[in-house]
Protein backbone atom coordinates (compact mmCIF):
# COMPACT_ATOMS: atom_id res chain seq x y z
CA MET A 1 101.56 151.15 151.63
CA TYR A 2 104.31 153.81 151.45
CA GLU A 3 104.75 155.88 148.34
CA ASP A 4 108.11 156.82 146.91
CA LEU A 5 109.23 159.94 148.81
CA ASP A 6 111.02 161.34 145.74
CA THR A 7 107.79 161.14 143.72
CA ILE A 8 105.80 162.87 146.46
CA THR A 9 108.44 165.60 146.85
CA HIS A 10 108.57 166.18 143.10
CA SER A 11 104.76 166.38 142.91
CA ALA A 12 104.58 168.85 145.80
CA ARG A 13 107.23 171.07 144.20
CA SER A 14 105.42 170.95 140.85
CA ILE A 15 102.17 172.02 142.48
CA GLU A 16 103.91 174.80 144.42
CA GLN A 17 105.59 176.07 141.24
CA GLU A 18 102.29 176.07 139.34
CA ILE A 19 100.40 177.87 142.11
CA THR A 20 103.02 180.57 142.53
CA SER A 21 103.57 181.24 138.83
CA MET A 22 102.20 184.42 137.26
CA GLY A 23 98.49 184.39 136.59
CA VAL A 24 97.53 181.53 138.89
CA LEU A 25 96.90 183.36 142.18
CA ARG A 26 94.05 185.85 142.03
CA TYR A 27 93.74 189.12 143.90
CA PHE A 28 91.60 189.15 147.05
CA GLU A 29 88.21 190.78 146.59
CA PRO A 30 86.51 191.71 149.90
CA ASN A 31 82.98 191.44 148.48
CA VAL A 32 83.39 187.90 147.07
CA VAL A 33 82.55 184.74 149.05
CA SER A 34 85.71 183.11 150.41
CA VAL A 35 86.43 179.45 151.20
CA ILE A 36 89.31 177.89 153.13
CA GLN A 37 90.19 174.30 152.25
CA THR A 38 92.60 172.32 154.40
CA GLY A 39 94.36 168.99 154.16
CA ALA A 40 96.69 166.89 156.25
CA SER A 41 98.76 163.76 155.97
CA GLN A 42 101.34 162.02 158.10
CA GLU A 43 103.96 164.14 156.35
CA GLY A 44 102.47 167.64 156.51
CA LEU A 45 99.61 170.15 156.58
CA GLY A 46 98.22 172.48 153.94
CA ALA A 47 95.54 175.10 153.38
CA VAL A 48 94.34 177.20 150.48
CA PHE A 49 92.20 180.36 150.56
CA LEU A 50 89.83 180.39 147.56
CA GLN A 51 87.50 182.87 145.89
CA GLN A 52 85.30 181.72 143.01
CA GLY A 53 87.22 178.42 143.00
CA GLN A 54 90.59 180.10 142.40
CA PRO A 55 93.45 180.33 144.93
CA VAL A 56 94.18 183.69 146.54
CA CYS A 57 96.92 182.32 148.81
CA TYR A 58 98.10 179.04 150.27
CA ALA A 59 100.25 177.65 153.05
CA CYS A 60 101.92 174.30 153.62
CA LYS A 61 104.12 172.90 156.34
CA ALA A 62 106.10 169.66 156.50
CA LEU A 63 105.95 168.00 159.89
CA ALA A 64 109.12 167.40 161.88
CA ASP A 65 109.90 163.73 162.56
CA LYS A 66 108.95 164.08 166.24
CA LYS A 67 105.46 165.36 165.27
CA LYS A 68 104.68 162.59 162.77
CA LEU A 69 102.44 159.72 163.82
């Protein structure tokens, strides 16, 4: 039922590194349709702002123990 926390942490850091590396984030274009996708788990929250299926920016937040279910 519970996944290995080290594996999850490593995966999250790998995704963060890939998203923030040069050439992955695109510049915002005001005349292009924008989409916000969100996700949540018992461990945290995340959102990504997309244009043409590519990330413009993202945010993620780990939940404090007292806010976890």
